[in-house]
Amino acid sequence: MSSPQQYLAMQEHADHVFGAQYDDVRERYHAERLDMEMYDASEREHDEYMWKVEQAGFGDDWQAYEAYFQQLDKDIQQFEGEQNNG
């Protein structure tokens, strides 16, 4: 038979093992929740960007939207250069 001290030591060990397993599971779920939150934020950012593309009149053609603003930036720089030189 086990003495009360041995029983308490075994119980403490079992509690420690169970607690460690619980901590591992809790950490894994926490990491998965953070991943889902980051994915959700990324999706919201993408949706907001695509809404801007659509509102600007480009439908879902984000490449045309980007090209338009790159050309606009070049035109502004050229105009500013002409203003400073002329």
Protein backbone atom coordinates (compact mmCIF):
# COMPACT_ATOMS: atom_id res chain seq x y z
CA MET A 1 0.00 0.00 0.00
CA SER A 2 0.99 3.56 -0.60
CA SER A 3 1.55 5.97 2.18
CA PRO A 4 -0.35 9.28 2.18
CA GLN A 5 2.88 11.06 1.23
CA GLN A 6 3.39 8.79 -1.76
CA TYR A 7 -0.22 9.30 -2.80
CA LEU A 8 0.15 13.08 -2.53
CA ALA A 9 3.40 12.97 -4.53
CA MET A 10 1.74 10.88 -7.26
CA GLN A 11 -1.29 13.21 -7.27
CA GLU A 12 0.98 16.25 -7.52
CA HIS A 13 2.87 14.66 -10.42
CA ALA A 14 -0.39 13.78 -12.19
CA ASP A 15 -1.67 17.33 -11.70
CA HIS A 16 1.58 18.71 -13.09
CA VAL A 17 1.43 16.45 -16.16
CA PHE A 18 -2.22 17.32 -16.78
CA GLY A 19 -1.52 21.03 -16.28
CA ALA A 20 1.39 20.93 -18.70
CA GLN A 21 -0.78 19.23 -21.32
CA TYR A 22 -3.51 21.81 -20.72
CA ASP A 23 -0.98 24.64 -21.10
CA ASP A 24 0.21 23.20 -24.43
CA VAL A 25 -3.35 23.00 -25.73
CA ARG A 26 -4.14 26.49 -24.47
CA GLU A 27 -1.02 27.90 -26.15
CA ARG A 28 -1.85 26.12 -29.42
CA TYR A 29 -5.40 27.46 -29.47
CA HIS A 30 -4.16 30.92 -28.56
CA ALA A 31 -1.72 30.84 -31.50
CA GLU A 32 -4.47 29.60 -33.82
CA ARG A 33 -6.77 32.39 -32.63
CA LEU A 34 -4.07 34.97 -33.33
CA ASP A 35 -3.57 33.50 -36.81
CA MET A 36 -7.31 33.74 -37.48
CA GLU A 37 -7.39 37.33 -36.25
CA MET A 38 -4.47 38.28 -38.51
CA TYR A 39 -6.15 36.55 -41.47
CA ASP A 40 -9.41 38.37 -40.72
CA ALA A 41 -7.61 41.73 -40.56
CA SER A 42 -5.90 40.95 -43.86
CA GLU A 43 -9.21 40.08 -45.48
CA ARG A 44 -10.80 43.30 -44.20
CA GLU A 45 -7.87 45.34 -45.55
CA HIS A 46 -8.18 43.62 -48.93
CA ASP A 47 -11.95 44.18 -49.03
CA GLU A 48 -11.51 47.88 -48.19
CA TYR A 49 -8.89 48.24 -50.92
CA MET A 50 -11.07 46.51 -53.50
CA TRP A 51 -13.99 48.74 -52.47
CA LYS A 52 -11.79 51.78 -53.21
CA VAL A 53 -10.86 50.29 -56.60
CA GLU A 54 -14.52 49.77 -57.43
CA GLN A 55 -15.53 53.23 -56.19
CA ALA A 56 -12.82 54.79 -58.38
CA GLY A 57 -14.53 53.25 -61.42
CA PHE A 58 -12.15 50.35 -62.09
CA GLY A 59 -14.49 47.50 -61.14
CA ASP A 60 -12.28 44.73 -59.82
CA ASP A 61 -9.27 45.64 -62.00
CA TRP A 62 -6.81 46.58 -59.27
CA GLN A 63 -3.91 46.52 -61.75
CA ALA A 64 -5.50 49.27 -63.86
CA TYR A 65 -6.18 51.21 -60.63
CA GLU A 66 -2.51 50.96 -59.62
CA ALA A 67 -1.31 51.84 -63.14
CA TYR A 68 -3.58 54.89 -63.22
CA PHE A 69 -2.17 56.27 -59.98
CA GLN A 70 1.42 55.50 -61.00
CA GLN A 71 0.87 57.45 -64.20
CA LEU A 72 -0.82 60.24 -62.27
CA ASP A 73 2.20 60.42 -59.94
CA LYS A 74 4.56 60.63 -62.94
CA ASP A 75 2.44 63.38 -64.49
CA ILE A 76 2.48 65.38 -61.25
CA GLN A 77 6.25 65.04 -60.94
CA GLN A 78 6.69 66.12 -64.57
CA PHE A 79 4.34 69.10 -64.05
CA GLU A 80 6.21 70.16 -60.90
CA GLY A 81 9.50 69.86 -62.76
CA GLU A 82 8.21 72.07 -65.56
CA GLN A 83 6.93 74.64 -63.04
CA ASN A 84 10.31 74.80 -61.32
CA ASN A 85 12.23 75.10 -64.62
CA GLY A 86 9.94 77.53 -66.35
